[in-house]
Amino acid sequence: MIGANAGRLRSERRISQSELARTLEVNRSHINQFEAGKQNVSIDYLVKIADGLDVSVVEFFSGLGGASPRRIVEKEE
């Protein structure tokens, strides 16, 4: 869900995965896998993505309510 939120935010800003990847100096496939929920990322990586999108890290967690991290992972599976 966090990756999906990041993808939504990226799309709203009309930034392609390739553009974001260039900004972050990572491979586009990393962005794709993260948004698809196939790759877990560190908080450092989330901060880097948030900076690239010019949003707060908190926005990635919007809509998750009070769910514990374990419940979020279970939802993604």
PDB file of N, CA and C in Angstrom:
ATOM      1  N   MET A   1       0.817  -1.190   0.000  1.00  0.00           N
ATOM      2  CA  MET A   1       0.000   0.000   0.000  1.00  0.00           C
ATOM      3  C   MET A   1       0.870   1.267   0.000  1.00  0.00           C
ATOM      4  N   ILE A   2       2.006   1.195   0.631  1.00  0.00           N
ATOM      5  CA  ILE A   2       2.893   2.355   0.665  1.00  0.00           C
ATOM      6  C   ILE A   2       3.429   2.644  -0.734  1.00  0.00           C
ATOM      7  N   GLY A   3       3.819   1.596  -1.439  1.00  0.00           N
ATOM      8  CA  GLY A   3       4.297   1.756  -2.806  1.00  0.00           C
ATOM      9  C   GLY A   3       3.213   2.278  -3.730  1.00  0.00           C
ATOM     10  N   ALA A   4       1.990   1.771  -3.542  1.00  0.00           N
ATOM     11  CA  ALA A   4       0.860   2.235  -4.358  1.00  0.00           C
ATOM     12  C   ALA A   4       0.595   3.713  -4.098  1.00  0.00           C
ATOM     13  N   ASN A   5       0.683   4.132  -2.840  1.00  0.00           N
ATOM     14  CA  ASN A   5       0.514   5.558  -2.515  1.00  0.00           C
ATOM     15  C   ASN A   5       1.607   6.386  -3.176  1.00  0.00           C
ATOM     16  N   ALA A   6       2.827   5.877  -3.160  1.00  0.00           N
ATOM     17  CA  ALA A   6       3.930   6.601  -3.800  1.00  0.00           C
ATOM     18  C   ALA A   6       3.682   6.707  -5.303  1.00  0.00           C
ATOM     19  N   GLY A   7       3.187   5.641  -5.911  1.00  0.00           N
ATOM     20  CA  GLY A   7       2.884   5.666  -7.341  1.00  0.00           C
ATOM     21  C   GLY A   7       1.779   6.660  -7.670  1.00  0.00           C
ATOM     22  N   ARG A   8       0.774   6.711  -6.821  1.00  0.00           N
ATOM     23  CA  ARG A   8      -0.321   7.671  -7.013  1.00  0.00           C
ATOM     24  C   ARG A   8       0.209   9.093  -6.924  1.00  0.00           C
ATOM     25  N   LEU A   9       1.023   9.354  -5.916  1.00  0.00           N
ATOM     26  CA  LEU A   9       1.596  10.689  -5.751  1.00  0.00           C
ATOM     27  C   LEU A   9       2.471  11.063  -6.950  1.00  0.00           C
ATOM     28  N   ARG A  10       3.237  10.092  -7.432  1.00  0.00           N
ATOM     29  CA  ARG A  10       4.095  10.337  -8.595  1.00  0.00           C
ATOM     30  C   ARG A  10       3.247  10.673  -9.827  1.00  0.00           C
ATOM     31  N   SER A  11       2.189   9.886 -10.023  1.00  0.00           N
ATOM     32  CA  SER A  11       1.299  10.122 -11.169  1.00  0.00           C
ATOM     33  C   SER A  11       0.604  11.480 -11.077  1.00  0.00           C
ATOM     34  N   GLU A  12       0.152  11.828  -9.881  1.00  0.00           N
ATOM     35  CA  GLU A  12      -0.506  13.129  -9.682  1.00  0.00           C
ATOM     36  C   GLU A  12       0.415  14.281 -10.048  1.00  0.00           C
ATOM     37  N   ARG A  13       1.700  14.067  -9.876  1.00  0.00           N
ATOM     38  CA  ARG A  13       2.679  15.117 -10.176  1.00  0.00           C
ATOM     39  C   ARG A  13       3.177  15.018 -11.616  1.00  0.00           C
ATOM     40  N   ARG A  14       2.616  14.053 -12.356  1.00  0.00           N
ATOM     41  CA  ARG A  14       2.968  13.830 -13.765  1.00  0.00           C
ATOM     42  C   ARG A  14       4.474  13.599 -13.942  1.00  0.00           C
ATOM     43  N   ILE A  15       5.005  12.760 -13.055  1.00  0.00           N
ATOM     44  CA  ILE A  15       6.413  12.367 -13.124  1.00  0.00           C
ATOM     45  C   ILE A  15       6.444  10.896 -13.506  1.00  0.00           C
ATOM     46  N   SER A  16       7.176  10.560 -14.531  1.00  0.00           N
ATOM     47  CA  SER A  16       7.275   9.153 -14.941  1.00  0.00           C
ATOM     48  C   SER A  16       8.214   8.404 -14.002  1.00  0.00           C
ATOM     49  N   GLN A  17       8.112   7.091 -14.018  1.00  0.00           N
ATOM     50  CA  GLN A  17       9.032   6.284 -13.219  1.00  0.00           C
ATOM     51  C   GLN A  17      10.466   6.530 -13.667  1.00  0.00           C
ATOM     52  N   SER A  18      10.668   6.670 -14.958  1.00  0.00           N
ATOM     53  CA  SER A  18      12.014   6.920 -15.488  1.00  0.00           C
ATOM     54  C   SER A  18      12.578   8.250 -14.991  1.00  0.00           C
ATOM     55  N   GLU A  19      11.730   9.277 -14.990  1.00  0.00           N
ATOM     56  CA  GLU A  19      12.179  10.590 -14.502  1.00  0.00           C
ATOM     57  C   GLU A  19      12.548  10.525 -13.029  1.00  0.00           C
ATOM     58  N   LEU A  20      11.693   9.864 -12.232  1.00  0.00           N
ATOM     59  CA  LEU A  20      11.980   9.743 -10.804  1.00  0.00           C
ATOM     60  C   LEU A  20      13.251   8.942 -10.582  1.00  0.00           C
ATOM     61  N   ALA A  21      13.417   7.872 -11.341  1.00  0.00           N
ATOM     62  CA  ALA A  21      14.624   7.044 -11.212  1.00  0.00           C
ATOM     63  C   ALA A  21      15.881   7.853 -11.514  1.00  0.00           C
ATOM     64  N   ARG A  22      15.825   8.678 -12.549  1.00  0.00           N
ATOM     65  CA  ARG A  22      16.987   9.533 -12.870  1.00  0.00           C
ATOM     66  C   ARG A  22      17.276  10.500 -11.728  1.00  0.00           C
ATOM     67  N   THR A  23      16.222  11.098 -11.176  1.00  0.00           N
ATOM     68  CA  THR A  23      16.387  12.037 -10.067  1.00  0.00           C
ATOM     69  C   THR A  23      17.030  11.361  -8.864  1.00  0.00           C
ATOM     70  N   LEU A  24      16.605  10.123  -8.600  1.00  0.00           N
ATOM     71  CA  LEU A  24      17.101   9.399  -7.426  1.00  0.00           C
ATOM     72  C   LEU A  24      18.382   8.624  -7.697  1.00  0.00           C
ATOM     73  N   GLU A  25      18.783   8.589  -8.973  1.00  0.00           N
ATOM     74  CA  GLU A  25      19.967   7.839  -9.398  1.00  0.00           C
ATOM     75  C   GLU A  25      19.841   6.363  -9.055  1.00  0.00           C
ATOM     76  N   VAL A  26      18.665   5.807  -9.407  1.00  0.00           N
ATOM     77  CA  VAL A  26      18.413   4.371  -9.255  1.00  0.00           C
ATOM     78  C   VAL A  26      17.864   3.851 -10.577  1.00  0.00           C
ATOM     79  N   ASN A  27      17.760   2.536 -10.684  1.00  0.00           N
ATOM     80  CA  ASN A  27      17.191   1.922 -11.860  1.00  0.00           C
ATOM     81  C   ASN A  27      15.675   2.043 -11.825  1.00  0.00           C
ATOM     82  N   ARG A  28      15.042   2.286 -12.963  1.00  0.00           N
ATOM     83  CA  ARG A  28      13.593   2.423 -13.024  1.00  0.00           C
ATOM     84  C   ARG A  28      12.887   1.185 -12.484  1.00  0.00           C
ATOM     85  N   SER A  29      13.494   0.015 -12.664  1.00  0.00           N
ATOM     86  CA  SER A  29      12.863  -1.215 -12.167  1.00  0.00           C
ATOM     87  C   SER A  29      12.703  -1.191 -10.645  1.00  0.00           C
ATOM     88  N   HIS A  30      13.590  -0.511  -9.932  1.00  0.00           N
ATOM     89  CA  HIS A  30      13.447  -0.389  -8.468  1.00  0.00           C
ATOM     90  C   HIS A  30      12.181   0.385  -8.124  1.00  0.00           C
ATOM     91  N   ILE A  31      11.921   1.459  -8.853  1.00  0.00           N
ATOM     92  CA  ILE A  31      10.713   2.254  -8.629  1.00  0.00           C
ATOM     93  C   ILE A  31       9.486   1.407  -8.940  1.00  0.00           C
ATOM     94  N   ASN A  32       9.535   0.704 -10.068  1.00  0.00           N
ATOM     95  CA  ASN A  32       8.411  -0.131 -10.486  1.00  0.00           C
ATOM     96  C   ASN A  32       8.099  -1.209  -9.457  1.00  0.00           C
ATOM     97  N   GLN A  33       9.117  -1.909  -8.983  1.00  0.00           N
ATOM     98  CA  GLN A  33       8.926  -2.975  -8.006  1.00  0.00           C
ATOM     99  C   GLN A  33       8.399  -2.430  -6.682  1.00  0.00           C
ATOM    100  N   PHE A  34       8.881  -1.290  -6.260  1.00  0.00           N
ATOM    101  CA  PHE A  34       8.409  -0.674  -5.025  1.00  0.00           C
ATOM    102  C   PHE A  34       6.935  -0.307  -5.144  1.00  0.00           C
ATOM    103  N   GLU A  35       6.565   0.353  -6.239  1.00  0.00           N
ATOM    104  CA  GLU A  35       5.172   0.757  -6.417  1.00  0.00           C
ATOM    105  C   GLU A  35       4.242  -0.444  -6.534  1.00  0.00           C
ATOM    106  N   ALA A  36       4.746  -1.549  -7.064  1.00  0.00           N
ATOM    107  CA  ALA A  36       3.942  -2.759  -7.226  1.00  0.00           C
ATOM    108  C   ALA A  36       3.878  -3.590  -5.940  1.00  0.00           C
ATOM    109  N   GLY A  37       4.589  -3.167  -4.900  1.00  0.00           N
ATOM    110  CA  GLY A  37       4.578  -3.894  -3.640  1.00  0.00           C
ATOM    111  C   GLY A  37       5.447  -5.132  -3.646  1.00  0.00           C
ATOM    112  N   LYS A  38       6.385  -5.202  -4.584  1.00  0.00           N
ATOM    113  CA  LYS A  38       7.254  -6.373  -4.712  1.00  0.00           C
ATOM    114  C   LYS A  38       8.624  -6.166  -4.095  1.00  0.00           C
ATOM    115  N   GLN A  39       8.853  -4.986  -3.557  1.00  0.00           N
ATOM    116  CA  GLN A  39      10.155  -4.681  -2.959  1.00  0.00           C
ATOM    117  C   GLN A  39       9.953  -3.867  -1.698  1.00  0.00           C
ATOM    118  N   ASN A  40      10.506  -4.324  -0.616  1.00  0.00           N
ATOM    119  CA  ASN A  40      10.496  -3.547   0.619  1.00  0.00           C
ATOM    120  C   ASN A  40      11.659  -2.566   0.569  1.00  0.00           C
ATOM    121  N   VAL A  41      11.442  -1.415   1.145  1.00  0.00           N
ATOM    122  CA  VAL A  41      12.487  -0.397   1.125  1.00  0.00           C
ATOM    123  C   VAL A  41      12.739   0.121   2.530  1.00  0.00           C
ATOM    124  N   SER A  42      13.894   0.684   2.713  1.00  0.00           N
ATOM    125  CA  SER A  42      14.263   1.267   4.005  1.00  0.00           C
ATOM    126  C   SER A  42      13.619   2.636   4.151  1.00  0.00           C
ATOM    127  N   ILE A  43      13.602   3.126   5.359  1.00  0.00           N
ATOM    128  CA  ILE A  43      13.082   4.464   5.612  1.00  0.00           C
ATOM    129  C   ILE A  43      13.948   5.490   4.886  1.00  0.00           C
ATOM    130  N   ASP A  44      15.241   5.229   4.770  1.00  0.00           N
ATOM    131  CA  ASP A  44      16.124   6.135   4.030  1.00  0.00           C
ATOM    132  C   ASP A  44      15.690   6.254   2.571  1.00  0.00           C
ATOM    133  N   TYR A  45      15.299   5.125   1.976  1.00  0.00           N
ATOM    134  CA  TYR A  45      14.840   5.114   0.589  1.00  0.00           C
ATOM    135  C   TYR A  45      13.519   5.864   0.467  1.00  0.00           C
ATOM    136  N   LEU A  46      12.617   5.678   1.457  1.00  0.00           N
ATOM    137  CA  LEU A  46      11.346   6.410   1.446  1.00  0.00           C
ATOM    138  C   LEU A  46      11.590   7.916   1.498  1.00  0.00           C
ATOM    139  N   VAL A  47      12.539   8.326   2.315  1.00  0.00           N
ATOM    140  CA  VAL A  47      12.874   9.750   2.412  1.00  0.00           C
ATOM    141  C   VAL A  47      13.406  10.250   1.068  1.00  0.00           C
ATOM    142  N   LYS A  48      14.234   9.453   0.427  1.00  0.00           N
ATOM    143  CA  LYS A  48      14.799   9.821  -0.867  1.00  0.00           C
ATOM    144  C   LYS A  48      13.683   9.981  -1.910  1.00  0.00           C
ATOM    145  N   ILE A  49      12.728   9.052  -1.924  1.00  0.00           N
ATOM    146  CA  ILE A  49      11.606   9.130  -2.859  1.00  0.00           C
ATOM    147  C   ILE A  49      10.746  10.353  -2.543  1.00  0.00           C
ATOM    148  N   ALA A  50      10.476  10.565  -1.255  1.00  0.00           N
ATOM    149  CA  ALA A  50       9.674  11.725  -0.857  1.00  0.00           C
ATOM    150  C   ALA A  50      10.336  13.014  -1.325  1.00  0.00           C
ATOM    151  N   ASP A  51      11.641  13.120  -1.167  1.00  0.00           N
ATOM    152  CA  ASP A  51      12.363  14.305  -1.642  1.00  0.00           C
ATOM    153  C   ASP A  51      12.219  14.448  -3.154  1.00  0.00           C
ATOM    154  N   GLY A  52      12.329  13.333  -3.868  1.00  0.00           N
ATOM    155  CA  GLY A  52      12.209  13.363  -5.324  1.00  0.00           C
ATOM    156  C   GLY A  52      10.826  13.787  -5.791  1.00  0.00           C
ATOM    157  N   LEU A  53       9.805  13.463  -4.989  1.00  0.00           N
ATOM    158  CA  LEU A  53       8.423  13.823  -5.336  1.00  0.00           C
ATOM    159  C   LEU A  53       7.988  15.136  -4.692  1.00  0.00           C
ATOM    160  N   ASP A  54       8.829  15.663  -3.812  1.00  0.00           N
ATOM    161  CA  ASP A  54       8.531  16.887  -3.067  1.00  0.00           C
ATOM    162  C   ASP A  54       7.255  16.727  -2.227  1.00  0.00           C
ATOM    163  N   VAL A  55       7.213  15.611  -1.488  1.00  0.00           N
ATOM    164  CA  VAL A  55       6.098  15.336  -0.572  1.00  0.00           C
ATOM    165  C   VAL A  55       6.671  14.909   0.769  1.00  0.00           C
ATOM    166  N   SER A  56       5.822  14.866   1.784  1.00  0.00           N
ATOM    167  CA  SER A  56       6.277  14.378   3.087  1.00  0.00           C
ATOM    168  C   SER A  56       6.206  12.853   3.103  1.00  0.00           C
ATOM    169  N   VAL A  57       7.074  12.236   3.869  1.00  0.00           N
ATOM    170  CA  VAL A  57       7.058  10.784   4.012  1.00  0.00           C
ATOM    171  C   VAL A  57       5.709  10.326   4.561  1.00  0.00           C
ATOM    172  N   VAL A  58       5.099  11.140   5.396  1.00  0.00           N
ATOM    173  CA  VAL A  58       3.798  10.811   5.995  1.00  0.00           C
ATOM    174  C   VAL A  58       2.753  10.554   4.916  1.00  0.00           C
ATOM    175  N   GLU A  59       2.838  11.245   3.783  1.00  0.00           N
ATOM    176  CA  GLU A  59       1.851  11.058   2.713  1.00  0.00           C
ATOM    177  C   GLU A  59       1.866   9.639   2.163  1.00  0.00           C
ATOM    178  N   PHE A  60       2.992   8.950   2.227  1.00  0.00           N
ATOM    179  CA  PHE A  60       3.046   7.564   1.767  1.00  0.00           C
ATOM    180  C   PHE A  60       2.145   6.664   2.613  1.00  0.00           C
ATOM    181  N   PHE A  61       1.933   7.060   3.864  1.00  0.00           N
ATOM    182  CA  PHE A  61       1.167   6.245   4.795  1.00  0.00           C
ATOM    183  C   PHE A  61      -0.301   6.667   4.890  1.00  0.00           C
ATOM    184  N   SER A  62      -0.709   7.641   4.084  1.00  0.00           N
ATOM    185  CA  SER A  62      -2.095   8.100   4.143  1.00  0.00           C
ATOM    186  C   SER A  62      -3.032   6.968   3.732  1.00  0.00           C
ATOM    187  N   GLY A  63      -4.134   6.862   4.433  1.00  0.00           N
ATOM    188  CA  GLY A  63      -5.118   5.831   4.146  1.00  0.00           C
ATOM    189  C   GLY A  63      -4.873   4.508   4.847  1.00  0.00           C
ATOM    190  N   LEU A  64      -3.796   4.428   5.603  1.00  0.00           N
ATOM    191  CA  LEU A  64      -3.482   3.177   6.299  1.00  0.00           C
ATOM    192  C   LEU A  64      -4.040   3.154   7.716  1.00  0.00           C
ATOM    193  N   GLY A  65      -4.570   4.289   8.164  1.00  0.00           N
ATOM    194  CA  GLY A  65      -5.161   4.365   9.494  1.00  0.00           C
ATOM    195  C   GLY A  65      -4.183   3.958  10.569  1.00  0.00           C
ATOM    196  N   GLY A  66      -4.686   3.235  11.547  1.00  0.00           N
ATOM    197  CA  GLY A  66      -3.858   2.802  12.669  1.00  0.00           C
ATOM    198  C   GLY A  66      -3.323   1.398  12.499  1.00  0.00           C
ATOM    199  N   ALA A  67      -3.265   0.898  11.257  1.00  0.00           N
ATOM    200  CA  ALA A  67      -2.811  -0.470  11.013  1.00  0.00           C
ATOM    201  C   ALA A  67      -1.356  -0.645  11.432  1.00  0.00           C
ATOM    202  N   SER A  68      -1.086  -1.778  12.069  1.00  0.00           N
ATOM    203  CA  SER A  68       0.287  -2.092  12.444  1.00  0.00           C
ATOM    204  C   SER A  68       1.057  -2.493  11.188  1.00  0.00           C
ATOM    205  N   PRO A  69       2.378  -2.380  11.217  1.00  0.00           N
ATOM    206  CA  PRO A  69       3.166  -2.780  10.042  1.00  0.00           C
ATOM    207  C   PRO A  69       2.864  -4.205   9.578  1.00  0.00           C
ATOM    208  N   ARG A  70       2.657  -5.124  10.523  1.00  0.00           N
ATOM    209  CA  ARG A  70       2.358  -6.507  10.146  1.00  0.00           C
ATOM    210  C   ARG A  70       1.057  -6.580   9.363  1.00  0.00           C
ATOM    211  N   ARG A  71       0.037  -5.831   9.767  1.00  0.00           N
ATOM    212  CA  ARG A  71      -1.258  -5.837   9.079  1.00  0.00           C
ATOM    213  C   ARG A  71      -1.138  -5.237   7.680  1.00  0.00           C
ATOM    214  N   ILE A  72      -0.289  -4.243   7.523  1.00  0.00           N
ATOM    215  CA  ILE A  72      -0.080  -3.635   6.209  1.00  0.00           C
ATOM    216  C   ILE A  72       0.547  -4.657   5.280  1.00  0.00           C
ATOM    217  N   VAL A  73       1.560  -5.386   5.751  1.00  0.00           N
ATOM    218  CA  VAL A  73       2.218  -6.398   4.941  1.00  0.00           C
ATOM    219  C   VAL A  73       1.236  -7.501   4.573  1.00  0.00           C
ATOM    220  N   GLU A  74       0.398  -7.913   5.512  1.00  0.00           N
ATOM    221  CA  GLU A  74      -0.593  -8.955   5.234  1.00  0.00           C
ATOM    222  C   GLU A  74      -1.568  -8.507   4.156  1.00  0.00           C
ATOM    223  N   LYS A  75      -1.955  -7.245   4.155  1.00  0.00           N
ATOM    224  CA  LYS A  75      -2.859  -6.710   3.144  1.00  0.00           C
ATOM    225  C   LYS A  75      -2.216  -6.773   1.759  1.00  0.00           C
ATOM    226  N   GLU A  76      -0.921  -6.517   1.690  1.00  0.00           N
ATOM    227  CA  GLU A  76      -0.219  -6.492   0.401  1.00  0.00           C
ATOM    228  C   GLU A  76      -0.060  -7.881  -0.172  1.00  0.00           C
ATOM    229  N   GLU A  77      -0.024  -8.884   0.661  1.00  0.00           N
ATOM    230  CA  GLU A  77       0.150 -10.252   0.178  1.00  0.00           C
ATOM    231  C   GLU A  77      -1.146 -10.755  -0.273  1.00  0.00           C
TER     232      GLU A  77
END
